[in-house]
Amino acid sequence: GAQIDTITEAILASEPQGNAERLLDED
């Protein structure tokens, strides 16, 4: 939620680390 001046900075600041994993549905 911290304010960032540009959309590019926000994307870079929030870049997740590691490889994406399978997310299980609730069922």
PDB file of all heavy atoms in Angstrom:
ATOM      1  N   GLY A   1       0.786  -1.224   0.000  1.00  0.00           N
ATOM      2  CA  GLY A   1       0.000   0.000   0.000  1.00  0.00           C
ATOM      3  C   GLY A   1       0.815   1.268   0.000  1.00  0.00           C
ATOM      4  O   GLY A   1       0.272   2.358  -0.221  1.00  0.00           O
ATOM      5  N   ALA A   2       2.127   1.170   0.240  1.00  0.00           N
ATOM      6  CA  ALA A   2       2.964   2.361   0.225  1.00  0.00           C
ATOM      7  C   ALA A   2       2.927   3.011  -1.154  1.00  0.00           C
ATOM      8  O   ALA A   2       2.929   2.334  -2.178  1.00  0.00           O
ATOM      9  CB  ALA A   2       4.398   1.992   0.601  1.00  0.00           C
ATOM     10  N   GLN A   3       2.889   4.338  -1.200  1.00  0.00           N
ATOM     11  CA  GLN A   3       2.758   5.045  -2.463  1.00  0.00           C
ATOM     12  C   GLN A   3       4.046   4.985  -3.284  1.00  0.00           C
ATOM     13  O   GLN A   3       5.151   5.094  -2.769  1.00  0.00           O
ATOM     14  CB  GLN A   3       2.389   6.514  -2.213  1.00  0.00           C
ATOM     15  CG  GLN A   3       0.964   6.709  -1.701  1.00  0.00           C
ATOM     16  CD  GLN A   3      -0.068   6.254  -2.728  1.00  0.00           C
ATOM     17  OE1 GLN A   3      -0.119   6.788  -3.832  1.00  0.00           O
ATOM     18  NE2 GLN A   3      -0.888   5.282  -2.361  1.00  0.00           N
ATOM     19  N   ILE A   4       3.883   4.787  -4.586  1.00  0.00           N
ATOM     20  CA  ILE A   4       4.983   4.723  -5.540  1.00  0.00           C
ATOM     21  C   ILE A   4       4.670   5.722  -6.651  1.00  0.00           C
ATOM     22  O   ILE A   4       3.509   5.942  -7.006  1.00  0.00           O
ATOM     23  CB  ILE A   4       5.110   3.293  -6.119  1.00  0.00           C
ATOM     24  CG1 ILE A   4       5.503   2.313  -5.012  1.00  0.00           C
ATOM     25  CG2 ILE A   4       6.116   3.241  -7.243  1.00  0.00           C
ATOM     26  CD1 ILE A   4       6.903   2.477  -4.491  1.00  0.00           C
ATOM     27  N   ASP A   5       5.700   6.340  -7.202  1.00  0.00           N
ATOM     28  CA  ASP A   5       5.479   7.402  -8.188  1.00  0.00           C
ATOM     29  C   ASP A   5       4.964   6.885  -9.523  1.00  0.00           C
ATOM     30  O   ASP A   5       4.184   7.560 -10.194  1.00  0.00           O
ATOM     31  CB  ASP A   5       6.785   8.172  -8.422  1.00  0.00           C
ATOM     32  CG  ASP A   5       7.185   8.998  -7.204  1.00  0.00           C
ATOM     33  OD1 ASP A   5       6.279   9.372  -6.431  1.00  0.00           O
ATOM     34  OD2 ASP A   5       8.385   9.256  -7.033  1.00  0.00           O
ATOM     35  N   THR A   6       5.395   5.695  -9.944  1.00  0.00           N
ATOM     36  CA  THR A   6       5.018   5.207 -11.264  1.00  0.00           C
ATOM     37  C   THR A   6       4.560   3.760 -11.190  1.00  0.00           C
ATOM     38  O   THR A   6       4.912   3.025 -10.267  1.00  0.00           O
ATOM     39  CB  THR A   6       6.199   5.290 -12.254  1.00  0.00           C
ATOM     40  OG1 THR A   6       7.199   4.339 -11.869  1.00  0.00           O
ATOM     41  CG2 THR A   6       6.802   6.690 -12.277  1.00  0.00           C
ATOM     42  N   ILE A   7       3.803   3.357 -12.199  1.00  0.00           N
ATOM     43  CA  ILE A   7       3.330   1.985 -12.279  1.00  0.00           C
ATOM     44  C   ILE A   7       4.506   1.028 -12.418  1.00  0.00           C
ATOM     45  O   ILE A   7       4.511  -0.068 -11.847  1.00  0.00           O
ATOM     46  CB  ILE A   7       2.333   1.821 -13.457  1.00  0.00           C
ATOM     47  CG1 ILE A   7       1.814   0.383 -13.563  1.00  0.00           C
ATOM     48  CG2 ILE A   7       2.963   2.218 -14.772  1.00  0.00           C
ATOM     49  CD1 ILE A   7       0.932  -0.036 -12.435  1.00  0.00           C
ATOM     50  N   THR A   8       5.547   1.440 -13.141  1.00  0.00           N
ATOM     51  CA  THR A   8       6.719   0.578 -13.307  1.00  0.00           C
ATOM     52  C   THR A   8       7.388   0.313 -11.971  1.00  0.00           C
ATOM     53  O   THR A   8       7.763  -0.823 -11.651  1.00  0.00           O
ATOM     54  CB  THR A   8       7.722   1.228 -14.282  1.00  0.00           C
ATOM     55  OG1 THR A   8       7.100   1.381 -15.555  1.00  0.00           O
ATOM     56  CG2 THR A   8       8.966   0.357 -14.436  1.00  0.00           C
ATOM     57  N   GLU A   9       7.537   1.349 -11.142  1.00  0.00           N
ATOM     58  CA  GLU A   9       8.143   1.173  -9.826  1.00  0.00           C
ATOM     59  C   GLU A   9       7.302   0.254  -8.954  1.00  0.00           C
ATOM     60  O   GLU A   9       7.831  -0.576  -8.200  1.00  0.00           O
ATOM     61  CB  GLU A   9       8.319   2.530  -9.138  1.00  0.00           C
ATOM     62  CG  GLU A   9       9.385   3.409  -9.768  1.00  0.00           C
ATOM     63  CD  GLU A   9       9.489   4.745  -9.068  1.00  0.00           C
ATOM     64  OE1 GLU A   9       8.943   4.873  -7.954  1.00  0.00           O
ATOM     65  OE2 GLU A   9      10.102   5.661  -9.626  1.00  0.00           O
ATOM     66  N   ALA A  10       5.987   0.382  -9.036  1.00  0.00           N
ATOM     67  CA  ALA A  10       5.112  -0.466  -8.232  1.00  0.00           C
ATOM     68  C   ALA A  10       5.233  -1.929  -8.651  1.00  0.00           C
ATOM     69  O   ALA A  10       5.256  -2.831  -7.815  1.00  0.00           O
ATOM     70  CB  ALA A  10       3.664   0.002  -8.349  1.00  0.00           C
ATOM     71  N   ILE A  11       5.323  -2.170  -9.954  1.00  0.00           N
ATOM     72  CA  ILE A  11       5.469  -3.542 -10.442  1.00  0.00           C
ATOM     73  C   ILE A  11       6.784  -4.131  -9.958  1.00  0.00           C
ATOM     74  O   ILE A  11       6.832  -5.259  -9.455  1.00  0.00           O
ATOM     75  CB  ILE A  11       5.384  -3.576 -11.981  1.00  0.00           C
ATOM     76  CG1 ILE A  11       3.948  -3.270 -12.445  1.00  0.00           C
ATOM     77  CG2 ILE A  11       5.825  -4.927 -12.518  1.00  0.00           C
ATOM     78  CD1 ILE A  11       3.800  -3.118 -13.939  1.00  0.00           C
ATOM     79  N   LEU A  12       7.860  -3.372 -10.101  1.00  0.00           N
ATOM     80  CA  LEU A  12       9.171  -3.874  -9.695  1.00  0.00           C
ATOM     81  C   LEU A  12       9.255  -4.073  -8.187  1.00  0.00           C
ATOM     82  O   LEU A  12       9.847  -5.044  -7.702  1.00  0.00           O
ATOM     83  CB  LEU A  12      10.259  -2.913 -10.164  1.00  0.00           C
ATOM     84  CG  LEU A  12      10.441  -2.802 -11.689  1.00  0.00           C
ATOM     85  CD1 LEU A  12      11.474  -1.745 -12.027  1.00  0.00           C
ATOM     86  CD2 LEU A  12      10.833  -4.141 -12.282  1.00  0.00           C
ATOM     87  N   ALA A  13       8.650  -3.153  -7.413  1.00  0.00           N
ATOM     88  CA  ALA A  13       8.727  -3.242  -5.954  1.00  0.00           C
ATOM     89  C   ALA A  13       7.974  -4.436  -5.407  1.00  0.00           C
ATOM     90  O   ALA A  13       8.277  -4.941  -4.322  1.00  0.00           O
ATOM     91  CB  ALA A  13       8.178  -1.959  -5.331  1.00  0.00           C
ATOM     92  N   SER A  14       6.982  -4.909  -6.169  1.00  0.00           N
ATOM     93  CA  SER A  14       6.153  -6.007  -5.671  1.00  0.00           C
ATOM     94  C   SER A  14       6.481  -7.335  -6.320  1.00  0.00           C
ATOM     95  O   SER A  14       5.774  -8.322  -6.100  1.00  0.00           O
ATOM     96  CB  SER A  14       4.674  -5.692  -5.927  1.00  0.00           C
ATOM     97  OG  SER A  14       4.410  -5.611  -7.317  1.00  0.00           O
ATOM     98  N   GLU A  15       7.545  -7.392  -7.113  1.00  0.00           N
ATOM     99  CA  GLU A  15       7.872  -8.620  -7.839  1.00  0.00           C
ATOM    100  C   GLU A  15       8.039  -9.781  -6.871  1.00  0.00           C
ATOM    101  O   GLU A  15       8.867  -9.746  -5.962  1.00  0.00           O
ATOM    102  CB  GLU A  15       9.180  -8.425  -8.613  1.00  0.00           C
ATOM    103  CG  GLU A  15       9.466  -9.534  -9.609  1.00  0.00           C
ATOM    104  CD  GLU A  15       8.588  -9.436 -10.847  1.00  0.00           C
ATOM    105  OE1 GLU A  15       8.294  -8.313 -11.281  1.00  0.00           O
ATOM    106  OE2 GLU A  15       8.198 -10.498 -11.363  1.00  0.00           O
ATOM    107  N   PRO A  16       7.238 -10.864  -7.020  1.00  0.00           N
ATOM    108  CA  PRO A  16       7.364 -12.002  -6.114  1.00  0.00           C
ATOM    109  C   PRO A  16       8.651 -12.762  -6.355  1.00  0.00           C
ATOM    110  O   PRO A  16       9.182 -12.772  -7.466  1.00  0.00           O
ATOM    111  CB  PRO A  16       6.129 -12.855  -6.433  1.00  0.00           C
ATOM    112  CG  PRO A  16       5.781 -12.502  -7.843  1.00  0.00           C
ATOM    113  CD  PRO A  16       6.169 -11.061  -8.023  1.00  0.00           C
ATOM    114  N   GLN A  17       9.147 -13.407  -5.306  1.00  0.00           N
ATOM    115  CA  GLN A  17      10.389 -14.154  -5.396  1.00  0.00           C
ATOM    116  C   GLN A  17      10.092 -15.647  -5.587  1.00  0.00           C
ATOM    117  O   GLN A  17       9.096 -16.156  -5.086  1.00  0.00           O
ATOM    118  CB  GLN A  17      11.217 -13.953  -4.122  1.00  0.00           C
ATOM    119  CG  GLN A  17      11.550 -12.492  -3.835  1.00  0.00           C
ATOM    120  CD  GLN A  17      12.345 -11.844  -4.946  1.00  0.00           C
ATOM    121  OE1 GLN A  17      13.345 -12.397  -5.382  1.00  0.00           O
ATOM    122  NE2 GLN A  17      11.897 -10.687  -5.408  1.00  0.00           N
ATOM    123  N   GLY A  18      10.981 -16.340  -6.281  1.00  0.00           N
ATOM    124  CA  GLY A  18      10.821 -17.777  -6.453  1.00  0.00           C
ATOM    125  C   GLY A  18       9.857 -18.121  -7.567  1.00  0.00           C
ATOM    126  O   GLY A  18       9.279 -17.260  -8.219  1.00  0.00           O
ATOM    127  N   ASN A  19       9.673 -19.405  -7.776  1.00  0.00           N
ATOM    128  CA  ASN A  19       8.801 -19.888  -8.834  1.00  0.00           C
ATOM    129  C   ASN A  19       7.361 -19.990  -8.349  1.00  0.00           C
ATOM    130  O   ASN A  19       7.099 -20.331  -7.196  1.00  0.00           O
ATOM    131  CB  ASN A  19       9.264 -21.260  -9.329  1.00  0.00           C
ATOM    132  CG  ASN A  19      10.633 -21.194  -9.990  1.00  0.00           C
ATOM    133  OD1 ASN A  19      10.942 -20.228 -10.695  1.00  0.00           O
ATOM    134  ND2 ASN A  19      11.454 -22.208  -9.744  1.00  0.00           N
ATOM    135  N   ALA A  20       6.417 -19.711  -9.267  1.00  0.00           N
ATOM    136  CA  ALA A  20       5.005 -19.833  -8.920  1.00  0.00           C
ATOM    137  C   ALA A  20       4.667 -21.294  -8.646  1.00  0.00           C
ATOM    138  O   ALA A  20       5.178 -22.198  -9.301  1.00  0.00           O
ATOM    139  CB  ALA A  20       4.133 -19.296 -10.051  1.00  0.00           C
ATOM    140  N   GLU A  21       3.790 -21.523  -7.662  1.00  0.00           N
ATOM    141  CA  GLU A  21       3.394 -22.884  -7.345  1.00  0.00           C
ATOM    142  C   GLU A  21       1.898 -23.048  -7.543  1.00  0.00           C
ATOM    143  O   GLU A  21       1.152 -22.069  -7.623  1.00  0.00           O
ATOM    144  CB  GLU A  21       3.746 -23.224  -5.887  1.00  0.00           C
ATOM    145  CG  GLU A  21       2.970 -22.414  -4.865  1.00  0.00           C
ATOM    146  CD  GLU A  21       3.312 -22.815  -3.434  1.00  0.00           C
ATOM    147  OE1 GLU A  21       4.392 -23.378  -3.221  1.00  0.00           O
ATOM    148  OE2 GLU A  21       2.484 -22.551  -2.551  1.00  0.00           O
ATOM    149  N   ARG A  22       1.457 -24.278  -7.647  1.00  0.00           N
ATOM    150  CA  ARG A  22       0.039 -24.558  -7.836  1.00  0.00           C
ATOM    151  C   ARG A  22      -0.726 -24.211  -6.563  1.00  0.00           C
ATOM    152  O   ARG A  22      -0.387 -24.666  -5.475  1.00  0.00           O
ATOM    153  CB  ARG A  22      -0.160 -26.035  -8.181  1.00  0.00           C
ATOM    154  CG  ARG A  22      -1.613 -26.436  -8.385  1.00  0.00           C
ATOM    155  CD  ARG A  22      -1.675 -27.871  -8.902  1.00  0.00           C
ATOM    156  NE  ARG A  22      -3.038 -28.288  -9.117  1.00  0.00           N
ATOM    157  CZ  ARG A  22      -3.742 -28.987  -8.226  1.00  0.00           C
ATOM    158  NH1 ARG A  22      -3.187 -29.330  -7.080  1.00  0.00           N
ATOM    159  NH2 ARG A  22      -4.975 -29.355  -8.488  1.00  0.00           N
ATOM    160  N   LEU A  23      -1.766 -23.392  -6.694  1.00  0.00           N
ATOM    161  CA  LEU A  23      -2.606 -23.040  -5.560  1.00  0.00           C
ATOM    162  C   LEU A  23      -3.836 -23.928  -5.573  1.00  0.00           C
ATOM    163  O   LEU A  23      -4.543 -24.023  -6.572  1.00  0.00           O
ATOM    164  CB  LEU A  23      -3.033 -21.568  -5.634  1.00  0.00           C
ATOM    165  CG  LEU A  23      -1.903 -20.540  -5.596  1.00  0.00           C
ATOM    166  CD1 LEU A  23      -2.483 -19.139  -5.640  1.00  0.00           C
ATOM    167  CD2 LEU A  23      -1.060 -20.713  -4.356  1.00  0.00           C
ATOM    168  N   LEU A  24      -4.109 -24.582  -4.465  1.00  0.00           N
ATOM    169  CA  LEU A  24      -5.253 -25.487  -4.389  1.00  0.00           C
ATOM    170  C   LEU A  24      -6.542 -24.719  -4.182  1.00  0.00           C
ATOM    171  O   LEU A  24      -6.596 -23.747  -3.430  1.00  0.00           O
ATOM    172  CB  LEU A  24      -5.060 -26.468  -3.228  1.00  0.00           C
ATOM    173  CG  LEU A  24      -3.845 -27.396  -3.324  1.00  0.00           C
ATOM    174  CD1 LEU A  24      -3.762 -28.257  -2.078  1.00  0.00           C
ATOM    175  CD2 LEU A  24      -3.919 -28.263  -4.564  1.00  0.00           C
ATOM    176  N   ASP A  25      -7.600 -25.149  -4.875  1.00  0.00           N
ATOM    177  CA  ASP A  25      -8.926 -24.618  -4.590  1.00  0.00           C
ATOM    178  C   ASP A  25      -9.392 -25.143  -3.230  1.00  0.00           C
ATOM    179  O   ASP A  25      -8.927 -26.163  -2.731  1.00  0.00           O
ATOM    180  CB  ASP A  25      -9.929 -25.057  -5.656  1.00  0.00           C
ATOM    181  CG  ASP A  25      -9.741 -24.283  -6.951  1.00  0.00           C
ATOM    182  OD1 ASP A  25      -9.034 -23.254  -6.916  1.00  0.00           O
ATOM    183  OD2 ASP A  25     -10.285 -24.711  -7.977  1.00  0.00           O
ATOM    184  N   GLU A  26     -10.410 -24.443  -2.657  1.00  0.00           N
ATOM    185  CA  GLU A  26     -10.874 -24.824  -1.320  1.00  0.00           C
ATOM    186  C   GLU A  26     -11.373 -26.257  -1.264  1.00  0.00           C
ATOM    187  O   GLU A  26     -11.144 -26.974  -0.296  1.00  0.00           O
ATOM    188  CB  GLU A  26     -11.974 -23.857  -0.870  1.00  0.00           C
ATOM    189  CG  GLU A  26     -11.461 -22.515  -0.385  1.00  0.00           C
ATOM    190  CD  GLU A  26     -11.035 -21.594  -1.511  1.00  0.00           C
ATOM    191  OE1 GLU A  26     -11.231 -21.956  -2.677  1.00  0.00           O
ATOM    192  OE2 GLU A  26     -10.508 -20.513  -1.222  1.00  0.00           O
ATOM    193  N   ASP A  27     -12.039 -26.703  -2.335  1.00  0.00           N
ATOM    194  CA  ASP A  27     -12.575 -28.073  -2.301  1.00  0.00           C
ATOM    195  C   ASP A  27     -11.476 -29.108  -2.396  1.00  0.00           C
ATOM    196  O   ASP A  27     -11.698 -30.286  -2.116  1.00  0.00           O
ATOM    197  CB  ASP A  27     -13.583 -28.273  -3.436  1.00  0.00           C
ATOM    198  CG  ASP A  27     -12.932 -28.254  -4.805  1.00  0.00           C
ATOM    199  OD1 ASP A  27     -12.092 -27.362  -5.043  1.00  0.00           O
ATOM    200  OD2 ASP A  27     -13.256 -29.115  -5.635  1.00  0.00           O
TER     201      ASP A  27
END
